Amino acid sequence: MPKTLYVFGYSVWSAAAELAVLELGYSESEVTQKTVTLVNGDNFDPSFLKINLLGTIPTLEADGRVFTNTTDVIAYLLQHAPRKVKAGTPAVIEAVHDQKYDPNFSMLVARDEQELAAKGSGLQGMFLANRQAALERYITDPAAAEYKDFYEPRLAANGGLLEIFTRKAAADVQAGYFVRSQAHFDAVRSALFEVYPELLPTSGFIGGEVPGEDDFHMIAWVTRIAFIIGATSSADGLDAFERAYGAPVSAKVAAYWGAWVERESWKKVYAETLH
């Protein structure tokens, strides 16, 4: 039975699911991909919320069921895959998805005035503004009235971030955001240099000679962080890590990056840009 995978080209966790589809040998007729443009707030559209009340990406419709988080999406794809690979380890997957290392918040980190100004006038500012406009539109739309409880907290949370990025927040709020951002930056550095290397093999993949379930999650996170700190391709990922964090990554991380960027799946998912 055909499956529908809802994705967005700049979504870190969509990339994990897309890598899984390719590595597990699914054909385009077996898994149809539909784009939900997060940067325009299309995941807040009532038509999508009818499918996934959380409004999250990736989402998978399969066998009359809907899977609404990355872990469940990939687990289902693995279970029904044409090509079998090593199943994941809960400890690895949970570590990659630990909120302390959230790669989505990493996109919005602003540790000082200069970083805030750059991101406020860039993709991050546009993303927050577009989301706010979509939320404001839908919360007043009679056709979306049943989702008011979904919209209200997101309108407040996104609005608070937008005020910070447009310099409308109080000084103490902005200063607190700098502190929070620095703490997150430090946590991500710890994950990359201390926590995740303990989970990686000296060569190849966590799944063995070919990527397994754990690897789809791990490389999506690593690639997103590389993108955030300035990498534009597979060639400058390791240099970007060193520039950003002041030290080269471990041999394990370097080998893992090198193994993945040679995969046709990685090249296809990240063909236009890292994200």
C-alpha atoms as a PDB file:
ATOM      1  CA  MET A   1       0.000   0.000   0.000  1.00  0.00           C
ATOM      2  CA  PRO A   2       1.425   3.436  -0.929  1.00  0.00           C
ATOM      3  CA  LYS A   3       2.693   5.599   1.894  1.00  0.00           C
ATOM      4  CA  THR A   4       2.726   9.399   2.081  1.00  0.00           C
ATOM      5  CA  LEU A   5       5.623  11.158   3.757  1.00  0.00           C
ATOM      6  CA  TYR A   6       5.160  14.863   4.535  1.00  0.00           C
ATOM      7  CA  VAL A   7       8.478  16.710   4.465  1.00  0.00           C
ATOM      8  CA  PHE A   8      10.106  20.102   4.088  1.00  0.00           C
ATOM      9  CA  GLY A   9      13.410  20.631   2.332  1.00  0.00           C
ATOM     10  CA  TYR A  10      15.008  22.635   5.139  1.00  0.00           C
ATOM     11  CA  SER A  11      13.788  20.479   8.010  1.00  0.00           C
ATOM     12  CA  VAL A  12      16.476  18.645   9.973  1.00  0.00           C
ATOM     13  CA  TRP A  13      14.201  15.734  10.857  1.00  0.00           C
ATOM     14  CA  SER A  14      12.632  15.510   7.419  1.00  0.00           C
ATOM     15  CA  ALA A  15      16.161  14.838   6.209  1.00  0.00           C
ATOM     16  CA  ALA A  16      16.439  11.887   8.623  1.00  0.00           C
ATOM     17  CA  ALA A  17      13.268  10.342   7.221  1.00  0.00           C
ATOM     18  CA  GLU A  18      14.282  11.040   3.622  1.00  0.00           C
ATOM     19  CA  LEU A  19      17.653   9.371   4.196  1.00  0.00           C
ATOM     20  CA  ALA A  20      15.842   6.365   5.645  1.00  0.00           C
ATOM     21  CA  VAL A  21      13.575   6.085   2.594  1.00  0.00           C
ATOM     22  CA  LEU A  22      16.564   6.041   0.257  1.00  0.00           C
ATOM     23  CA  GLU A  23      18.791   3.776   2.329  1.00  0.00           C
ATOM     24  CA  LEU A  24      15.978   1.290   2.952  1.00  0.00           C
ATOM     25  CA  GLY A  25      15.315   0.844  -0.746  1.00  0.00           C
ATOM     26  CA  TYR A  26      11.829   2.305  -1.086  1.00  0.00           C
ATOM     27  CA  SER A  27      10.751   3.301  -4.580  1.00  0.00           C
ATOM     28  CA  GLU A  28       8.965   6.548  -5.363  1.00  0.00           C
ATOM     29  CA  SER A  29       5.773   4.582  -5.958  1.00  0.00           C
ATOM     30  CA  GLU A  30       5.992   3.049  -2.487  1.00  0.00           C
ATOM     31  CA  VAL A  31       6.594   6.324  -0.635  1.00  0.00           C
ATOM     32  CA  THR A  32       5.148   9.536  -2.040  1.00  0.00           C
ATOM     33  CA  GLN A  33       6.653  12.701  -0.606  1.00  0.00           C
ATOM     34  CA  LYS A  34       4.560  15.823  -0.155  1.00  0.00           C
ATOM     35  CA  THR A  35       6.063  19.159   0.843  1.00  0.00           C
ATOM     36  CA  VAL A  36       4.681  21.195   3.726  1.00  0.00           C
ATOM     37  CA  THR A  37       6.414  24.571   3.608  1.00  0.00           C
ATOM     38  CA  LEU A  38       7.250  25.304   7.224  1.00  0.00           C
ATOM     39  CA  VAL A  39       8.760  28.692   6.433  1.00  0.00           C
ATOM     40  CA  ASN A  40       5.289  29.848   5.346  1.00  0.00           C
ATOM     41  CA  GLY A  41       3.536  28.237   8.318  1.00  0.00           C
ATOM     42  CA  ASP A  42       1.768  25.695   6.107  1.00  0.00           C
ATOM     43  CA  ASN A  43       1.948  23.156   8.928  1.00  0.00           C
ATOM     44  CA  PHE A  44      -0.618  25.337  10.733  1.00  0.00           C
ATOM     45  CA  ASP A  45      -3.166  24.965   7.938  1.00  0.00           C
ATOM     46  CA  PRO A  46      -6.299  23.169   9.176  1.00  0.00           C
ATOM     47  CA  SER A  47      -5.993  20.714   6.299  1.00  0.00           C
ATOM     48  CA  PHE A  48      -2.635  19.550   7.667  1.00  0.00           C
ATOM     49  CA  LEU A  49      -3.729  19.613  11.298  1.00  0.00           C
ATOM     50  CA  LYS A  50      -6.475  17.167  10.346  1.00  0.00           C
ATOM     51  CA  ILE A  51      -3.672  14.769   9.459  1.00  0.00           C
ATOM     52  CA  ASN A  52      -1.307  15.613  12.317  1.00  0.00           C
ATOM     53  CA  LEU A  53      -2.720  17.618  15.197  1.00  0.00           C
ATOM     54  CA  LEU A  54       0.821  18.393  16.356  1.00  0.00           C
ATOM     55  CA  GLY A  55       1.631  20.160  13.088  1.00  0.00           C
ATOM     56  CA  THR A  56       5.054  18.505  12.967  1.00  0.00           C
ATOM     57  CA  ILE A  57       7.317  17.310  10.157  1.00  0.00           C
ATOM     58  CA  PRO A  58       8.045  14.568   9.172  1.00  0.00           C
ATOM     59  CA  THR A  59       4.619  12.959   9.207  1.00  0.00           C
ATOM     60  CA  LEU A  60       3.890   9.577   7.651  1.00  0.00           C
ATOM     61  CA  GLU A  61       0.538   8.181   6.550  1.00  0.00           C
ATOM     62  CA  ALA A  62       0.711   4.416   6.103  1.00  0.00           C
ATOM     63  CA  ASP A  63      -1.650   1.462   6.450  1.00  0.00           C
ATOM     64  CA  GLY A  64      -4.454   3.660   7.723  1.00  0.00           C
ATOM     65  CA  ARG A  65      -2.263   5.067  10.498  1.00  0.00           C
ATOM     66  CA  VAL A  66      -0.465   8.378  11.000  1.00  0.00           C
ATOM     67  CA  PHE A  67       3.011   8.650  12.524  1.00  0.00           C
ATOM     68  CA  THR A  68       3.744  12.116  13.849  1.00  0.00           C
ATOM     69  CA  ASN A  69       7.310  12.124  15.142  1.00  0.00           C
ATOM     70  CA  THR A  70      10.668  11.325  13.627  1.00  0.00           C
ATOM     71  CA  THR A  71      11.345   8.276  15.772  1.00  0.00           C
ATOM     72  CA  ASP A  72       8.029   6.609  14.961  1.00  0.00           C
ATOM     73  CA  VAL A  73       8.234   7.511  11.265  1.00  0.00           C
ATOM     74  CA  ILE A  74      11.664   5.961  10.853  1.00  0.00           C
ATOM     75  CA  ALA A  75      10.800   2.928  12.994  1.00  0.00           C
ATOM     76  CA  TYR A  76       7.812   2.187  10.750  1.00  0.00           C
ATOM     77  CA  LEU A  77       9.853   2.657   7.581  1.00  0.00           C
ATOM     78  CA  LEU A  78      12.491   0.283   8.946  1.00  0.00           C
ATOM     79  CA  GLN A  79       9.962  -2.368   9.919  1.00  0.00           C
ATOM     80  CA  HIS A  80       8.397  -2.494   6.452  1.00  0.00           C
ATOM     81  CA  ALA A  81      11.497  -1.786   4.351  1.00  0.00           C
ATOM     82  CA  PRO A  82      12.442  -3.636   1.169  1.00  0.00           C
ATOM     83  CA  ARG A  83      16.044  -3.564   2.398  1.00  0.00           C
ATOM     84  CA  LYS A  84      16.876  -4.613   5.940  1.00  0.00           C
ATOM     85  CA  VAL A  85      19.397  -2.757   8.108  1.00  0.00           C
ATOM     86  CA  LYS A  86      20.312  -2.855  11.768  1.00  0.00           C
ATOM     87  CA  ALA A  87      17.567  -1.707  14.125  1.00  0.00           C
ATOM     88  CA  GLY A  88      18.312   1.229  16.366  1.00  0.00           C
ATOM     89  CA  THR A  89      19.271   1.471  20.006  1.00  0.00           C
ATOM     90  CA  PRO A  90      16.886   3.517  22.173  1.00  0.00           C
ATOM     91  CA  ALA A  91      19.799   5.083  24.074  1.00  0.00           C
ATOM     92  CA  VAL A  92      21.311   6.447  20.855  1.00  0.00           C
ATOM     93  CA  ILE A  93      18.063   7.773  19.414  1.00  0.00           C
ATOM     94  CA  GLU A  94      17.062   9.337  22.727  1.00  0.00           C
ATOM     95  CA  ALA A  95      20.473  11.012  23.019  1.00  0.00           C
ATOM     96  CA  VAL A  96      20.184  12.528  19.541  1.00  0.00           C
ATOM     97  CA  HIS A  97      16.702  13.853  20.327  1.00  0.00           C
ATOM     98  CA  ASP A  98      17.575  15.150  23.787  1.00  0.00           C
ATOM     99  CA  GLN A  99      16.073  18.633  24.109  1.00  0.00           C
ATOM    100  CA  LYS A 100      19.391  19.930  25.461  1.00  0.00           C
ATOM    101  CA  TYR A 101      20.794  19.506  21.948  1.00  0.00           C
ATOM    102  CA  ASP A 102      17.702  20.527  19.963  1.00  0.00           C
ATOM    103  CA  PRO A 103      18.920  21.364  16.435  1.00  0.00           C
ATOM    104  CA  ASN A 104      15.828  23.446  15.730  1.00  0.00           C
ATOM    105  CA  PHE A 105      16.600  25.815  18.587  1.00  0.00           C
ATOM    106  CA  SER A 106      20.197  25.851  17.360  1.00  0.00           C
ATOM    107  CA  MET A 107      18.944  27.705  14.284  1.00  0.00           C
ATOM    108  CA  LEU A 108      17.608  30.484  16.513  1.00  0.00           C
ATOM    109  CA  VAL A 109      20.568  30.808  18.865  1.00  0.00           C
ATOM    110  CA  ALA A 110      21.719  34.422  19.247  1.00  0.00           C
ATOM    111  CA  ARG A 111      24.440  34.949  21.838  1.00  0.00           C
ATOM    112  CA  ASP A 112      25.009  38.657  21.332  1.00  0.00           C
ATOM    113  CA  GLU A 113      23.783  41.753  19.511  1.00  0.00           C
ATOM    114  CA  GLN A 114      25.732  41.015  16.348  1.00  0.00           C
ATOM    115  CA  GLU A 115      24.392  37.482  15.990  1.00  0.00           C
ATOM    116  CA  LEU A 116      20.856  38.644  16.774  1.00  0.00           C
ATOM    117  CA  ALA A 117      21.029  41.372  14.113  1.00  0.00           C
ATOM    118  CA  ALA A 118      22.328  38.950  11.471  1.00  0.00           C
ATOM    119  CA  LYS A 119      19.678  36.338  12.160  1.00  0.00           C
ATOM    120  CA  GLY A 120      16.914  38.876  12.586  1.00  0.00           C
ATOM    121  CA  SER A 121      17.499  40.140   9.049  1.00  0.00           C
ATOM    122  CA  GLY A 122      18.052  36.649   7.663  1.00  0.00           C
ATOM    123  CA  LEU A 123      16.207  33.353   7.318  1.00  0.00           C
ATOM    124  CA  GLN A 124      15.421  33.157  11.020  1.00  0.00           C
ATOM    125  CA  GLY A 125      13.687  36.532  11.113  1.00  0.00           C
ATOM    126  CA  MET A 126      11.676  35.712   8.012  1.00  0.00           C
ATOM    127  CA  PHE A 127      10.738  32.304   9.425  1.00  0.00           C
ATOM    128  CA  LEU A 128       9.432  33.772  12.682  1.00  0.00           C
ATOM    129  CA  ALA A 129       7.554  36.588  10.919  1.00  0.00           C
ATOM    130  CA  ASN A 130       5.900  34.245   8.431  1.00  0.00           C
ATOM    131  CA  ARG A 131       4.889  31.819  11.169  1.00  0.00           C
ATOM    132  CA  GLN A 132       3.365  34.648  13.194  1.00  0.00           C
ATOM    133  CA  ALA A 133       1.413  35.898  10.194  1.00  0.00           C
ATOM    134  CA  ALA A 134       0.089  32.394   9.511  1.00  0.00           C
ATOM    135  CA  LEU A 135      -0.911  31.866  13.145  1.00  0.00           C
ATOM    136  CA  GLU A 136      -2.664  35.242  13.294  1.00  0.00           C
ATOM    137  CA  ARG A 137      -4.530  34.407  10.096  1.00  0.00           C
ATOM    138  CA  TYR A 138      -5.666  30.977  11.164  1.00  0.00           C
ATOM    139  CA  ILE A 139      -6.662  31.877  14.712  1.00  0.00           C
ATOM    140  CA  THR A 140      -9.252  34.307  13.322  1.00  0.00           C
ATOM    141  CA  ASP A 141     -10.429  31.971  10.552  1.00  0.00           C
ATOM    142  CA  PRO A 142     -13.837  30.424  11.340  1.00  0.00           C
ATOM    143  CA  ALA A 143     -12.816  27.358   9.338  1.00  0.00           C
ATOM    144  CA  ALA A 144      -9.952  26.771  11.790  1.00  0.00           C
ATOM    145  CA  ALA A 145     -11.927  27.468  14.981  1.00  0.00           C
ATOM    146  CA  GLU A 146     -11.607  23.889  16.240  1.00  0.00           C
ATOM    147  CA  TYR A 147      -7.816  24.341  16.446  1.00  0.00           C
ATOM    148  CA  LYS A 148      -7.859  27.478  18.612  1.00  0.00           C
ATOM    149  CA  ASP A 149      -6.237  25.607  21.515  1.00  0.00           C
ATOM    150  CA  PHE A 150      -3.415  24.625  19.171  1.00  0.00           C
ATOM    151  CA  TYR A 151      -2.857  28.137  17.852  1.00  0.00           C
ATOM    152  CA  GLU A 152      -2.952  30.162  21.075  1.00  0.00           C
ATOM    153  CA  PRO A 153       0.211  28.873  22.827  1.00  0.00           C
ATOM    154  CA  ARG A 154       2.172  28.858  19.577  1.00  0.00           C
ATOM    155  CA  LEU A 155       1.064  32.404  18.787  1.00  0.00           C
ATOM    156  CA  ALA A 156       2.368  33.530  22.173  1.00  0.00           C
ATOM    157  CA  ALA A 157       5.635  31.588  22.009  1.00  0.00           C
ATOM    158  CA  ASN A 158       6.482  32.535  18.434  1.00  0.00           C
ATOM    159  CA  GLY A 159       5.436  36.111  19.103  1.00  0.00           C
ATOM    160  CA  GLY A 160       7.834  36.312  22.018  1.00  0.00           C
ATOM    161  CA  LEU A 161      10.702  35.130  19.856  1.00  0.00           C
ATOM    162  CA  LEU A 162       9.728  37.525  17.085  1.00  0.00           C
ATOM    163  CA  GLU A 163       9.848  40.430  19.538  1.00  0.00           C
ATOM    164  CA  ILE A 164      13.395  39.448  20.480  1.00  0.00           C
ATOM    165  CA  PHE A 165      14.515  39.199  16.868  1.00  0.00           C
ATOM    166  CA  THR A 166      12.866  42.492  15.913  1.00  0.00           C
ATOM    167  CA  ARG A 167      14.382  44.281  18.954  1.00  0.00           C
ATOM    168  CA  LYS A 168      10.992  44.954  20.526  1.00  0.00           C
ATOM    169  CA  ALA A 169      11.567  42.834  23.621  1.00  0.00           C
ATOM    170  CA  ALA A 170      12.517  44.392  26.964  1.00  0.00           C
ATOM    171  CA  ALA A 171      16.242  44.633  27.646  1.00  0.00           C
ATOM    172  CA  ASP A 172      16.165  42.003  30.376  1.00  0.00           C
ATOM    173  CA  VAL A 173      14.300  39.579  28.104  1.00  0.00           C
ATOM    174  CA  GLN A 174      16.869  40.069  25.352  1.00  0.00           C
ATOM    175  CA  ALA A 175      19.748  39.654  27.795  1.00  0.00           C
ATOM    176  CA  GLY A 176      18.164  36.471  29.115  1.00  0.00           C
ATOM    177  CA  TYR A 177      17.911  35.145  25.574  1.00  0.00           C
ATOM    178  CA  PHE A 178      21.636  35.717  25.060  1.00  0.00           C
ATOM    179  CA  VAL A 179      22.334  33.681  28.200  1.00  0.00           C
ATOM    180  CA  ARG A 180      19.996  30.889  27.109  1.00  0.00           C
ATOM    181  CA  SER A 181      21.562  30.844  23.655  1.00  0.00           C
ATOM    182  CA  GLN A 182      25.084  30.584  25.033  1.00  0.00           C
ATOM    183  CA  ALA A 183      24.047  27.695  27.271  1.00  0.00           C
ATOM    184  CA  HIS A 184      22.568  25.894  24.275  1.00  0.00           C
ATOM    185  CA  PHE A 185      25.669  26.535  22.167  1.00  0.00           C
ATOM    186  CA  ASP A 186      27.782  25.027  24.926  1.00  0.00           C
ATOM    187  CA  ALA A 187      25.472  22.010  25.226  1.00  0.00           C
ATOM    188  CA  VAL A 188      25.693  21.331  21.492  1.00  0.00           C
ATOM    189  CA  ARG A 189      29.470  21.574  21.645  1.00  0.00           C
ATOM    190  CA  SER A 190      29.453  19.042  24.466  1.00  0.00           C
ATOM    191  CA  ALA A 191      27.260  16.695  22.420  1.00  0.00           C
ATOM    192  CA  LEU A 192      29.523  16.943  19.385  1.00  0.00           C
ATOM    193  CA  PHE A 193      32.829  16.644  21.226  1.00  0.00           C
ATOM    194  CA  GLU A 194      31.993  14.496  24.257  1.00  0.00           C
ATOM    195  CA  VAL A 195      28.610  12.749  24.204  1.00  0.00           C
ATOM    196  CA  TYR A 196      28.105  11.561  20.639  1.00  0.00           C
ATOM    197  CA  PRO A 197      31.666  10.343  19.959  1.00  0.00           C
ATOM    198  CA  GLU A 198      31.052   7.727  22.664  1.00  0.00           C
ATOM    199  CA  LEU A 199      28.165   6.420  20.558  1.00  0.00           C
ATOM    200  CA  LEU A 200      30.079   6.267  17.272  1.00  0.00           C
ATOM    201  CA  PRO A 201      32.270   3.489  15.877  1.00  0.00           C
ATOM    202  CA  THR A 202      35.869   4.128  14.885  1.00  0.00           C
ATOM    203  CA  SER A 203      34.873   3.629  11.251  1.00  0.00           C
ATOM    204  CA  GLY A 204      31.760   3.013   9.221  1.00  0.00           C
ATOM    205  CA  PHE A 205      28.350   3.465  10.786  1.00  0.00           C
ATOM    206  CA  ILE A 206      26.597   2.722  14.041  1.00  0.00           C
ATOM    207  CA  GLY A 207      24.631   0.175  12.053  1.00  0.00           C
ATOM    208  CA  GLY A 208      27.777  -1.523  10.734  1.00  0.00           C
ATOM    209  CA  GLU A 209      29.061  -1.420   7.174  1.00  0.00           C
ATOM    210  CA  VAL A 210      25.904   0.363   6.025  1.00  0.00           C
ATOM    211  CA  PRO A 211      23.813   2.933   7.904  1.00  0.00           C
ATOM    212  CA  GLY A 212      21.237   1.609  10.335  1.00  0.00           C
ATOM    213  CA  GLU A 213      18.305   3.179  12.143  1.00  0.00           C
ATOM    214  CA  ASP A 214      20.493   5.098  14.617  1.00  0.00           C
ATOM    215  CA  ASP A 215      22.491   6.605  11.779  1.00  0.00           C
ATOM    216  CA  PHE A 216      19.536   8.307  10.089  1.00  0.00           C
ATOM    217  CA  HIS A 217      18.935  10.327  13.243  1.00  0.00           C
ATOM    218  CA  MET A 218      22.584  11.005  14.037  1.00  0.00           C
ATOM    219  CA  ILE A 219      23.743  12.277  10.647  1.00  0.00           C
ATOM    220  CA  ALA A 220      20.709  14.552  10.271  1.00  0.00           C
ATOM    221  CA  TRP A 221      21.674  16.221  13.562  1.00  0.00           C
ATOM    222  CA  VAL A 222      25.359  16.482  12.661  1.00  0.00           C
ATOM    223  CA  THR A 223      24.593  17.926   9.221  1.00  0.00           C
ATOM    224  CA  ARG A 224      22.209  20.511  10.665  1.00  0.00           C
ATOM    225  CA  ILE A 225      24.836  21.692  13.142  1.00  0.00           C
ATOM    226  CA  ALA A 226      27.436  21.884  10.362  1.00  0.00           C
ATOM    227  CA  PHE A 227      25.047  24.048   8.348  1.00  0.00           C
ATOM    228  CA  ILE A 228      24.292  26.368  11.269  1.00  0.00           C
ATOM    229  CA  ILE A 229      27.960  27.085  11.928  1.00  0.00           C
ATOM    230  CA  GLY A 230      28.655  27.920   8.300  1.00  0.00           C
ATOM    231  CA  ALA A 231      29.349  24.761   6.315  1.00  0.00           C
ATOM    232  CA  THR A 232      28.025  24.911   2.760  1.00  0.00           C
ATOM    233  CA  SER A 233      29.017  21.472   1.482  1.00  0.00           C
ATOM    234  CA  SER A 234      30.519  18.145   2.478  1.00  0.00           C
ATOM    235  CA  ALA A 235      33.968  19.565   1.776  1.00  0.00           C
ATOM    236  CA  ASP A 236      33.984  22.238   4.465  1.00  0.00           C
ATOM    237  CA  GLY A 237      31.982  20.563   7.226  1.00  0.00           C
ATOM    238  CA  LEU A 238      34.940  19.531   9.369  1.00  0.00           C
ATOM    239  CA  ASP A 239      36.658  22.897   8.933  1.00  0.00           C
ATOM    240  CA  ALA A 240      33.444  24.644   9.951  1.00  0.00           C
ATOM    241  CA  PHE A 241      33.311  22.658  13.188  1.00  0.00           C
ATOM    242  CA  GLU A 242      36.881  23.629  14.010  1.00  0.00           C
ATOM    243  CA  ARG A 243      36.298  27.308  13.246  1.00  0.00           C
ATOM    244  CA  ALA A 244      33.157  27.446  15.350  1.00  0.00           C
ATOM    245  CA  TYR A 245      34.356  25.476  18.345  1.00  0.00           C
ATOM    246  CA  GLY A 246      38.068  26.216  18.362  1.00  0.00           C
ATOM    247  CA  ALA A 247      39.220  22.612  18.058  1.00  0.00           C
ATOM    248  CA  PRO A 248      39.010  19.772  15.538  1.00  0.00           C
ATOM    249  CA  VAL A 249      36.318  17.169  16.096  1.00  0.00           C
ATOM    250  CA  SER A 250      37.384  13.708  17.205  1.00  0.00           C
ATOM    251  CA  ALA A 251      38.655  11.101  14.764  1.00  0.00           C
ATOM    252  CA  LYS A 252      35.375   9.237  15.213  1.00  0.00           C
ATOM    253  CA  VAL A 253      33.241  12.226  14.204  1.00  0.00           C
ATOM    254  CA  ALA A 254      35.546  12.990  11.272  1.00  0.00           C
ATOM    255  CA  ALA A 255      35.372   9.382  10.056  1.00  0.00           C
ATOM    256  CA  TYR A 256      31.609   9.313  10.477  1.00  0.00           C
ATOM    257  CA  TRP A 257      31.182  12.511   8.469  1.00  0.00           C
ATOM    258  CA  GLY A 258      33.487  11.161   5.776  1.00  0.00           C
ATOM    259  CA  ALA A 259      31.579   7.893   5.528  1.00  0.00           C
ATOM    260  CA  TRP A 260      28.207   9.569   5.224  1.00  0.00           C
ATOM    261  CA  VAL A 261      29.034  12.289   2.717  1.00  0.00           C
ATOM    262  CA  GLU A 262      30.091   9.612   0.216  1.00  0.00           C
ATOM    263  CA  ARG A 263      26.659   7.946   0.336  1.00  0.00           C
ATOM    264  CA  GLU A 264      24.369   8.575  -2.618  1.00  0.00           C
ATOM    265  CA  SER A 265      21.484   9.066  -0.199  1.00  0.00           C
ATOM    266  CA  TRP A 266      23.271  11.898   1.613  1.00  0.00           C
ATOM    267  CA  LYS A 267      24.248  13.531  -1.669  1.00  0.00           C
ATOM    268  CA  LYS A 268      20.644  13.414  -2.868  1.00  0.00           C
ATOM    269  CA  VAL A 269      18.993  14.710   0.311  1.00  0.00           C
ATOM    270  CA  TYR A 270      21.535  17.527   0.638  1.00  0.00           C
ATOM    271  CA  ALA A 271      21.966  18.173  -3.085  1.00  0.00           C
ATOM    272  CA  GLU A 272      20.810  21.805  -2.977  1.00  0.00           C
ATOM    273  CA  THR A 273      22.101  22.834   0.419  1.00  0.00           C
ATOM    274  CA  LEU A 274      22.946  21.548   3.850  1.00  0.00           C
ATOM    275  CA  HIS A 275      20.133  22.098   6.338  1.00  0.00           C
END
